[in-house]
C-alpha cells in the first residue's frame, strides 16, 4: 500500500513539473496545427506551429512527402503587434525543400502574412500566408491558411507527428 502512495506522489510531481515546463498540462499538449493551401498550384497540406519570442512571430508550415524522403517548408517571420496584415520582405520569408535529409534549397521569399486571430489564453494563432520565391527558375509560389499552436521557443515545439 505504501508503494502505491509513493508511486502516485511521484506521478503527481512529474505532472506538475511537466505543466510548469510547457509539457503535459501546458503548451506542450497543443502539439501542431494544420496548414492547407497550394504549392505551385498543387494541393499542399502540412503541419503548422508558431513561435512568439519578444515581438517576433514565426509561422511555420511543414509537409513531409509520404512517398519520398523530402520535406517542404513555408516559413515567415514578422514583428508582431497583433491581428492584422503584415508585408513579408524576402529576408523574412522562406520556401524550403530538404531532399534526402541533408541537401536542400531555402530561397528567400516575399509576400503577405495575415493574422486573423491570436488567442493568448489558448496559445493559438490563425490566418493565411502567400509567398513567392523569385530567385528560383521557375519561381516557387505557396499560399494557404493555417491554425497553429504558439510556443515561446523553438525548443518547445514537439516533434512532427508524421515522422
N, C-alpha and C. Protein backbone atom coordinates (compact mmCIF):
# COMPACT_ATOMS: atom_id res chain seq x y z
N UNK A 1 0.83 -1.19 0.00
CA UNK A 1 0.00 0.00 0.00
C UNK A 1 0.87 1.25 0.00
N UNK A 2 1.95 1.21 0.80
CA UNK A 2 2.83 2.36 0.90
C UNK A 2 3.49 2.65 -0.46
N UNK A 3 3.85 1.61 -1.21
CA UNK A 3 4.48 1.79 -2.52
C UNK A 3 3.53 2.47 -3.50
N UNK A 4 2.25 2.11 -3.47
CA UNK A 4 1.30 2.73 -4.40
C UNK A 4 1.14 4.21 -4.11
N UNK A 5 1.17 4.62 -2.81
CA UNK A 5 1.12 6.05 -2.49
C UNK A 5 2.36 6.77 -2.98
N UNK A 6 3.50 6.12 -2.85
CA UNK A 6 4.75 6.73 -3.33
C UNK A 6 4.71 6.89 -4.85
N UNK A 7 4.18 5.89 -5.54
CA UNK A 7 4.08 5.97 -7.00
C UNK A 7 3.14 7.09 -7.42
N UNK A 8 1.99 7.18 -6.77
CA UNK A 8 1.03 8.24 -7.07
C UNK A 8 1.64 9.62 -6.80
N UNK A 9 2.37 9.74 -5.70
CA UNK A 9 3.03 11.01 -5.38
C UNK A 9 4.05 11.40 -6.44
N UNK A 10 4.84 10.42 -6.88
CA UNK A 10 5.84 10.71 -7.93
C UNK A 10 5.15 11.08 -9.24
N UNK A 11 4.07 10.42 -9.56
CA UNK A 11 3.35 10.71 -10.81
C UNK A 11 2.77 12.13 -10.76
N UNK A 12 2.20 12.50 -9.61
CA UNK A 12 1.67 13.87 -9.48
C UNK A 12 2.77 14.90 -9.58
N UNK A 13 3.90 14.66 -8.95
CA UNK A 13 5.03 15.59 -9.02
C UNK A 13 5.53 15.73 -10.45
N UNK A 14 5.64 14.63 -11.17
CA UNK A 14 6.09 14.67 -12.57
C UNK A 14 5.09 15.45 -13.42
N UNK A 15 3.81 15.26 -13.18
CA UNK A 15 2.79 16.00 -13.92
C UNK A 15 2.87 17.49 -13.66
N UNK A 16 3.08 17.86 -12.40
CA UNK A 16 3.21 19.28 -12.07
C UNK A 16 4.44 19.90 -12.71
N UNK A 17 5.56 19.17 -12.67
CA UNK A 17 6.78 19.67 -13.33
C UNK A 17 6.58 19.81 -14.82
N UNK A 18 5.93 18.85 -15.43
CA UNK A 18 5.67 18.93 -16.87
C UNK A 18 4.80 20.13 -17.19
N UNK A 19 3.81 20.41 -16.35
CA UNK A 19 2.95 21.56 -16.56
C UNK A 19 3.70 22.86 -16.46
N UNK A 20 4.66 22.94 -15.56
CA UNK A 20 5.44 24.17 -15.39
C UNK A 20 6.39 24.39 -16.55
N UNK A 21 6.83 23.33 -17.21
CA UNK A 21 7.81 23.49 -18.28
C UNK A 21 7.15 23.45 -19.66
N UNK A 22 5.83 23.60 -19.74
CA UNK A 22 5.16 23.58 -21.03
C UNK A 22 4.91 22.17 -21.52
N UNK A 23 4.85 21.21 -20.64
CA UNK A 23 4.67 19.83 -21.05
C UNK A 23 3.24 19.38 -20.94
N UNK A 24 3.02 18.35 -20.12
CA UNK A 24 1.76 17.64 -20.04
C UNK A 24 0.52 18.53 -19.93
N UNK A 25 0.52 19.51 -19.04
CA UNK A 25 -0.65 20.35 -18.85
C UNK A 25 -0.49 21.73 -19.46
N UNK A 26 0.68 22.02 -19.99
CA UNK A 26 0.94 23.35 -20.53
C UNK A 26 0.84 23.36 -22.04
N UNK A 27 1.58 24.25 -22.64
CA UNK A 27 1.52 24.46 -24.07
C UNK A 27 1.94 23.23 -24.86
N UNK A 28 2.78 22.38 -24.28
CA UNK A 28 3.25 21.19 -24.99
C UNK A 28 2.13 20.25 -25.39
N UNK A 29 0.98 20.33 -24.72
CA UNK A 29 -0.13 19.46 -25.05
C UNK A 29 -0.84 19.91 -26.33
N UNK A 30 -0.49 21.08 -26.86
CA UNK A 30 -1.14 21.57 -28.06
C UNK A 30 -0.66 20.87 -29.32
N UNK A 31 0.56 20.31 -29.30
CA UNK A 31 1.14 19.62 -30.44
C UNK A 31 1.31 20.58 -31.62
N UNK A 32 0.87 20.17 -32.82
CA UNK A 32 1.00 21.02 -34.00
C UNK A 32 -0.36 21.19 -34.66
N UNK A 33 -0.49 22.29 -35.39
CA UNK A 33 -1.74 22.60 -36.06
C UNK A 33 -1.69 22.17 -37.52
N UNK A 34 -2.48 22.86 -38.36
CA UNK A 34 -2.59 22.50 -39.76
C UNK A 34 -2.28 23.68 -40.67
N UNK A 35 -1.76 23.38 -41.85
CA UNK A 35 -1.55 24.35 -42.91
C UNK A 35 -2.11 23.72 -44.17
N UNK A 36 -3.05 24.40 -44.82
CA UNK A 36 -3.66 23.88 -46.05
C UNK A 36 -3.64 24.95 -47.10
N UNK A 37 -3.20 24.58 -48.30
CA UNK A 37 -3.16 25.55 -49.38
C UNK A 37 -2.62 24.93 -50.65
N UNK A 38 -1.77 25.70 -51.35
CA UNK A 38 -1.18 25.24 -52.60
C UNK A 38 0.31 25.53 -52.63
N UNK A 39 1.04 24.70 -53.35
CA UNK A 39 2.46 24.90 -53.64
C UNK A 39 2.56 24.76 -55.15
N UNK A 40 2.91 25.84 -55.82
CA UNK A 40 2.98 25.86 -57.29
C UNK A 40 1.71 25.32 -57.93
N UNK A 41 0.56 25.68 -57.38
CA UNK A 41 -0.73 25.30 -57.94
C UNK A 41 -1.25 23.94 -57.53
N UNK A 42 -0.43 23.12 -56.89
CA UNK A 42 -0.86 21.80 -56.44
C UNK A 42 -1.30 21.86 -54.98
N UNK A 43 -2.26 21.04 -54.62
CA UNK A 43 -2.73 21.00 -53.23
C UNK A 43 -1.57 20.68 -52.29
N UNK A 44 -1.57 21.36 -51.15
CA UNK A 44 -0.47 21.22 -50.19
C UNK A 44 -1.09 21.21 -48.80
N UNK A 45 -0.79 20.19 -48.01
CA UNK A 45 -1.31 20.10 -46.64
C UNK A 45 -0.17 19.67 -45.74
N UNK A 46 0.01 20.42 -44.65
CA UNK A 46 1.08 20.09 -43.73
C UNK A 46 0.73 20.44 -42.30
N UNK A 47 1.71 20.30 -41.45
CA UNK A 47 1.57 20.67 -40.05
C UNK A 47 1.98 22.12 -39.89
N UNK A 48 1.53 22.75 -38.81
CA UNK A 48 1.87 24.15 -38.58
C UNK A 48 2.12 24.40 -37.10
N UNK A 49 3.01 25.36 -36.83
CA UNK A 49 3.21 25.86 -35.48
C UNK A 49 3.73 27.28 -35.60
N UNK A 50 3.69 27.98 -34.49
CA UNK A 50 4.21 29.35 -34.45
C UNK A 50 5.04 29.51 -33.19
N UNK A 51 6.01 30.41 -33.27
CA UNK A 51 6.85 30.73 -32.12
C UNK A 51 6.83 32.24 -31.95
N UNK A 52 6.47 32.68 -30.74
CA UNK A 52 6.45 34.11 -30.41
C UNK A 52 7.53 34.36 -29.36
N UNK A 53 8.60 35.05 -29.79
CA UNK A 53 9.70 35.41 -28.90
C UNK A 53 9.84 36.92 -28.94
N UNK A 54 9.59 37.56 -27.79
CA UNK A 54 9.60 39.02 -27.75
C UNK A 54 8.53 39.55 -28.69
N UNK A 55 8.91 40.39 -29.65
CA UNK A 55 7.93 40.91 -30.60
C UNK A 55 8.04 40.23 -31.97
N UNK A 56 8.74 39.11 -32.05
CA UNK A 56 8.93 38.40 -33.31
C UNK A 56 8.06 37.13 -33.35
N UNK A 57 7.17 37.06 -34.36
CA UNK A 57 6.33 35.89 -34.56
C UNK A 57 6.82 35.15 -35.80
N UNK A 58 7.11 33.86 -35.63
CA UNK A 58 7.49 33.00 -36.75
C UNK A 58 6.40 31.96 -36.93
N UNK A 59 5.88 31.85 -38.16
CA UNK A 59 4.87 30.85 -38.50
C UNK A 59 5.52 29.87 -39.46
N UNK A 60 5.36 28.57 -39.17
CA UNK A 60 5.98 27.52 -39.98
C UNK A 60 4.92 26.51 -40.41
N UNK A 61 4.91 26.21 -41.70
CA UNK A 61 4.13 25.10 -42.24
C UNK A 61 5.12 24.09 -42.79
N UNK A 62 4.92 22.81 -42.52
CA UNK A 62 5.86 21.79 -42.96
C UNK A 62 5.10 20.58 -43.47
N UNK A 63 5.51 20.11 -44.65
CA UNK A 63 4.89 18.93 -45.21
C UNK A 63 5.96 17.90 -45.55
N UNK A 64 5.99 16.80 -44.82
CA UNK A 64 6.86 15.70 -45.23
C UNK A 64 6.18 14.92 -46.35
N UNK A 65 6.91 14.63 -47.41
CA UNK A 65 6.33 13.86 -48.50
C UNK A 65 6.12 12.42 -48.04
N UNK A 66 4.94 11.85 -48.28
CA UNK A 66 4.67 10.50 -47.79
C UNK A 66 5.39 9.39 -48.56
N UNK A 67 5.85 9.63 -49.80
CA UNK A 67 6.47 8.58 -50.61
C UNK A 67 7.98 8.70 -50.69
N UNK A 68 8.51 9.91 -50.65
CA UNK A 68 9.94 10.13 -50.82
C UNK A 68 10.49 10.84 -49.60
N UNK A 69 11.79 10.80 -49.43
CA UNK A 69 12.38 11.45 -48.26
C UNK A 69 12.74 12.89 -48.58
N UNK A 70 11.73 13.74 -48.54
CA UNK A 70 11.99 15.17 -48.60
C UNK A 70 10.88 15.91 -47.87
N UNK A 71 11.20 17.11 -47.44
CA UNK A 71 10.26 17.96 -46.72
C UNK A 71 10.13 19.29 -47.45
N UNK A 72 8.96 19.90 -47.35
CA UNK A 72 8.75 21.25 -47.86
C UNK A 72 8.34 22.13 -46.69
N UNK A 73 8.86 23.37 -46.68
CA UNK A 73 8.60 24.30 -45.60
C UNK A 73 8.05 25.62 -46.13
N UNK A 74 7.15 26.21 -45.39
CA UNK A 74 6.73 27.59 -45.57
C UNK A 74 7.07 28.25 -44.25
N UNK A 75 7.91 29.27 -44.27
CA UNK A 75 8.34 29.92 -43.03
C UNK A 75 8.31 31.43 -43.21
N UNK A 76 7.72 32.12 -42.24
CA UNK A 76 7.64 33.58 -42.30
C UNK A 76 7.84 34.14 -40.89
N UNK A 77 8.59 35.23 -40.81
CA UNK A 77 8.85 35.88 -39.51
C UNK A 77 8.54 37.37 -39.66
N UNK A 78 7.76 37.90 -38.72
CA UNK A 78 7.41 39.33 -38.74
C UNK A 78 7.49 39.91 -37.33
N UNK A 79 7.59 41.21 -37.27
CA UNK A 79 7.45 41.92 -35.99
C UNK A 79 5.96 41.96 -35.71
N UNK A 80 5.56 41.32 -34.62
CA UNK A 80 4.15 41.06 -34.35
C UNK A 80 3.56 42.08 -33.38
N UNK A 81 2.44 42.66 -33.79
CA UNK A 81 1.73 43.61 -32.93
C UNK A 81 0.27 43.21 -32.70
N UNK A 82 -0.11 42.03 -33.17
CA UNK A 82 -1.48 41.56 -33.02
C UNK A 82 -2.09 41.22 -34.36
N UNK A 83 -3.38 40.85 -34.39
CA UNK A 83 -4.04 40.53 -35.65
C UNK A 83 -3.92 41.69 -36.64
N UNK A 84 -3.75 41.32 -37.91
CA UNK A 84 -3.62 42.32 -38.97
C UNK A 84 -2.88 41.74 -40.16
N UNK A 85 -2.57 42.62 -41.12
CA UNK A 85 -1.87 42.23 -42.34
C UNK A 85 -0.43 42.72 -42.27
N UNK A 86 0.52 41.82 -42.58
CA UNK A 86 1.94 42.12 -42.50
C UNK A 86 2.60 41.85 -43.85
N UNK A 87 3.27 42.86 -44.42
CA UNK A 87 4.06 42.57 -45.61
C UNK A 87 5.28 41.74 -45.20
N UNK A 88 5.68 40.81 -46.05
CA UNK A 88 6.80 39.93 -45.75
C UNK A 88 7.91 40.22 -46.77
N UNK A 89 9.00 40.79 -46.30
CA UNK A 89 10.16 41.04 -47.17
C UNK A 89 10.88 39.72 -47.42
N UNK A 90 11.71 39.68 -48.47
CA UNK A 90 12.46 38.46 -48.78
C UNK A 90 13.28 37.97 -47.60
N UNK A 91 13.77 38.88 -46.79
CA UNK A 91 14.58 38.49 -45.63
C UNK A 91 13.74 37.88 -44.51
N UNK A 92 12.42 37.95 -44.62
CA UNK A 92 11.52 37.44 -43.58
C UNK A 92 10.76 36.19 -43.99
N UNK A 93 10.81 35.80 -45.26
CA UNK A 93 10.06 34.65 -45.74
C UNK A 93 10.97 33.62 -46.37
N UNK A 94 10.49 32.39 -46.37
CA UNK A 94 11.29 31.31 -46.96
C UNK A 94 10.38 30.18 -47.40
N UNK A 95 10.61 29.69 -48.61
CA UNK A 95 10.02 28.45 -49.07
C UNK A 95 11.19 27.48 -49.17
N UNK A 96 11.11 26.37 -48.51
CA UNK A 96 12.26 25.48 -48.48
C UNK A 96 11.92 24.06 -48.83
N UNK A 97 12.92 23.37 -49.41
CA UNK A 97 12.81 21.94 -49.67
C UNK A 97 14.08 21.29 -49.17
N UNK A 98 13.92 20.23 -48.40
CA UNK A 98 15.05 19.41 -47.96
C UNK A 98 14.91 18.07 -48.67
N UNK A 99 15.97 17.66 -49.33
CA UNK A 99 15.95 16.42 -50.11
C UNK A 99 16.97 15.46 -49.51
N UNK A 100 16.55 14.26 -49.21
CA UNK A 100 17.46 13.25 -48.71
C UNK A 100 17.95 13.48 -47.30
N UNK A 101 17.37 14.43 -46.61
CA UNK A 101 17.73 14.67 -45.22
C UNK A 101 18.92 15.56 -45.00
N UNK A 102 19.72 15.88 -46.07
CA UNK A 102 20.89 16.71 -45.83
C UNK A 102 21.17 17.74 -46.92
N UNK A 103 20.37 17.79 -47.96
CA UNK A 103 20.55 18.77 -49.02
C UNK A 103 19.23 19.50 -49.23
N UNK A 104 19.31 20.74 -49.65
CA UNK A 104 18.06 21.45 -49.86
C UNK A 104 18.23 22.82 -50.46
N UNK A 105 17.10 23.47 -50.67
CA UNK A 105 17.02 24.83 -51.18
C UNK A 105 16.17 25.64 -50.23
N UNK A 106 16.62 26.83 -49.91
CA UNK A 106 15.90 27.71 -48.99
C UNK A 106 15.88 29.12 -49.55
N UNK A 107 15.23 29.31 -50.69
CA UNK A 107 15.26 30.64 -51.30
C UNK A 107 14.46 31.66 -50.48
N UNK A 108 14.98 32.89 -50.40
CA UNK A 108 14.22 33.94 -49.74
C UNK A 108 12.92 34.16 -50.52
N UNK A 109 11.86 34.49 -49.79
CA UNK A 109 10.54 34.61 -50.40
C UNK A 109 9.81 35.81 -49.81
N UNK A 110 9.14 36.55 -50.66
CA UNK A 110 8.38 37.73 -50.23
C UNK A 110 6.89 37.46 -50.39
N UNK A 111 6.08 38.21 -49.66
CA UNK A 111 4.64 38.03 -49.77
C UNK A 111 3.89 38.75 -48.68
N UNK A 112 2.85 38.08 -48.17
CA UNK A 112 1.96 38.68 -47.18
C UNK A 112 1.56 37.64 -46.14
N UNK A 113 1.54 38.07 -44.89
CA UNK A 113 1.02 37.26 -43.78
C UNK A 113 -0.18 37.99 -43.21
N UNK A 114 -1.30 37.30 -43.08
CA UNK A 114 -2.49 37.87 -42.46
C UNK A 114 -2.79 37.06 -41.21
N UNK A 115 -2.82 37.74 -40.07
CA UNK A 115 -3.19 37.09 -38.81
C UNK A 115 -4.65 37.46 -38.53
N UNK A 116 -5.53 36.46 -38.63
CA UNK A 116 -6.95 36.68 -38.36
C UNK A 116 -7.24 36.71 -36.87
N UNK A 117 -6.59 35.80 -36.12
CA UNK A 117 -6.83 35.76 -34.68
C UNK A 117 -5.59 35.28 -33.95
N UNK A 118 -5.42 35.82 -32.75
CA UNK A 118 -4.36 35.38 -31.85
C UNK A 118 -4.97 35.33 -30.46
N UNK A 119 -4.94 34.16 -29.83
CA UNK A 119 -5.52 33.98 -28.50
C UNK A 119 -4.42 33.63 -27.52
N UNK A 120 -4.09 34.58 -26.65
CA UNK A 120 -3.04 34.35 -25.66
C UNK A 120 -3.42 33.25 -24.68
N UNK A 121 -4.69 33.17 -24.33
CA UNK A 121 -5.14 32.18 -23.36
C UNK A 121 -4.95 30.75 -23.83
N UNK A 122 -5.32 30.49 -25.08
CA UNK A 122 -5.20 29.12 -25.61
C UNK A 122 -3.91 28.93 -26.40
N UNK A 123 -3.10 29.95 -26.49
CA UNK A 123 -1.81 29.87 -27.22
C UNK A 123 -2.03 29.41 -28.66
N UNK A 124 -2.96 30.08 -29.39
CA UNK A 124 -3.22 29.71 -30.77
C UNK A 124 -3.25 30.95 -31.67
N UNK A 125 -2.94 30.72 -32.94
CA UNK A 125 -2.96 31.78 -33.94
C UNK A 125 -3.54 31.17 -35.22
N UNK A 126 -4.26 31.99 -35.99
CA UNK A 126 -4.77 31.52 -37.28
C UNK A 126 -4.67 32.65 -38.29
N UNK A 127 -4.60 32.27 -39.54
CA UNK A 127 -4.51 33.27 -40.59
C UNK A 127 -4.14 32.65 -41.92
N UNK A 128 -3.51 33.46 -42.78
CA UNK A 128 -3.11 32.99 -44.10
C UNK A 128 -1.77 33.60 -44.48
N UNK A 129 -1.12 32.95 -45.43
CA UNK A 129 0.18 33.41 -45.91
C UNK A 129 0.26 33.17 -47.41
N UNK A 130 0.91 34.11 -48.10
CA UNK A 130 1.21 33.97 -49.52
C UNK A 130 2.66 34.35 -49.72
N UNK A 131 3.46 33.45 -50.32
CA UNK A 131 4.88 33.71 -50.54
C UNK A 131 5.26 33.34 -51.97
N UNK A 132 6.29 34.05 -52.48
CA UNK A 132 6.82 33.75 -53.82
C UNK A 132 8.34 33.85 -53.75
N UNK A 133 9.00 32.81 -54.23
CA UNK A 133 10.47 32.77 -54.29
C UNK A 133 10.89 33.09 -55.72
N UNK A 134 11.14 34.36 -55.98
CA UNK A 134 11.50 34.82 -57.33
C UNK A 134 12.84 34.28 -57.80
N UNK A 135 13.75 33.96 -56.88
CA UNK A 135 15.09 33.53 -57.26
C UNK A 135 15.12 32.13 -57.88
N UNK A 136 14.06 31.36 -57.73
CA UNK A 136 14.00 30.02 -58.31
C UNK A 136 13.48 30.12 -59.75
N UNK A 137 13.96 29.27 -60.62
CA UNK A 137 13.51 29.27 -62.02
C UNK A 137 12.89 27.92 -62.33
N UNK A 138 11.59 27.81 -62.55
CA UNK A 138 10.63 28.89 -62.42
C UNK A 138 10.39 29.24 -60.95
N UNK A 139 9.82 30.39 -60.71
CA UNK A 139 9.58 30.86 -59.34
C UNK A 139 8.66 29.90 -58.59
N UNK A 140 8.94 29.73 -57.29
CA UNK A 140 8.07 28.90 -56.44
C UNK A 140 7.02 29.80 -55.81
N UNK A 141 5.80 29.29 -55.71
CA UNK A 141 4.70 30.00 -55.05
C UNK A 141 4.07 29.08 -54.03
N UNK A 142 3.69 29.64 -52.90
CA UNK A 142 2.93 28.88 -51.91
C UNK A 142 1.95 29.83 -51.23
N UNK A 143 0.78 29.32 -50.93
CA UNK A 143 -0.21 30.10 -50.19
C UNK A 143 -1.13 29.16 -49.46
N UNK A 144 -1.72 29.65 -48.40
CA UNK A 144 -2.65 28.81 -47.67
C UNK A 144 -3.07 29.39 -46.34
N UNK A 145 -3.91 28.64 -45.67
CA UNK A 145 -4.44 29.02 -44.36
C UNK A 145 -3.84 28.11 -43.30
N UNK A 146 -3.66 28.66 -42.11
CA UNK A 146 -3.09 27.88 -41.03
C UNK A 146 -3.85 28.14 -39.73
N UNK A 147 -3.85 27.15 -38.88
CA UNK A 147 -4.28 27.24 -37.49
C UNK A 147 -3.19 26.55 -36.71
N UNK A 148 -2.57 27.28 -35.77
CA UNK A 148 -1.37 26.73 -35.15
C UNK A 148 -1.27 27.07 -33.67
N UNK A 149 -0.67 26.16 -32.89
CA UNK A 149 -0.33 26.49 -31.51
C UNK A 149 0.86 27.47 -31.53
N UNK A 150 0.92 28.29 -30.50
CA UNK A 150 2.01 29.26 -30.37
C UNK A 150 2.89 28.85 -29.20
N UNK A 151 4.17 28.69 -29.47
CA UNK A 151 5.15 28.33 -28.44
C UNK A 151 6.03 29.54 -28.16
N UNK A 152 6.69 29.55 -27.00
CA UNK A 152 7.55 30.67 -26.64
C UNK A 152 9.00 30.45 -27.04
N UNK A 153 9.32 29.26 -27.55
CA UNK A 153 10.67 28.99 -28.05
C UNK A 153 10.60 27.82 -29.03
N UNK A 154 11.59 27.73 -29.91
CA UNK A 154 11.63 26.63 -30.86
C UNK A 154 11.90 25.30 -30.15
N UNK A 155 12.54 25.34 -29.00
CA UNK A 155 12.81 24.12 -28.24
C UNK A 155 11.52 23.48 -27.72
N UNK A 156 10.47 24.25 -27.53
CA UNK A 156 9.19 23.71 -27.04
C UNK A 156 8.37 23.01 -28.11
N UNK A 157 8.68 23.24 -29.37
CA UNK A 157 7.88 22.67 -30.46
C UNK A 157 8.05 21.15 -30.44
N UNK A 158 6.95 20.41 -30.36
CA UNK A 158 7.06 18.94 -30.32
C UNK A 158 7.48 18.39 -31.67
N UNK A 159 8.00 17.16 -31.69
CA UNK A 159 8.37 16.54 -32.97
C UNK A 159 7.15 16.43 -33.88
N UNK A 160 7.42 16.41 -35.16
CA UNK A 160 6.36 16.27 -36.15
C UNK A 160 5.69 14.92 -35.98
N UNK A 161 4.36 14.88 -35.88
CA UNK A 161 3.67 13.59 -35.69
C UNK A 161 3.77 12.68 -36.90
N UNK A 162 4.16 13.20 -38.07
CA UNK A 162 4.23 12.38 -39.28
C UNK A 162 5.48 11.52 -39.33
N UNK A 163 6.48 11.81 -38.51
CA UNK A 163 7.73 11.05 -38.56
C UNK A 163 7.74 9.94 -37.56
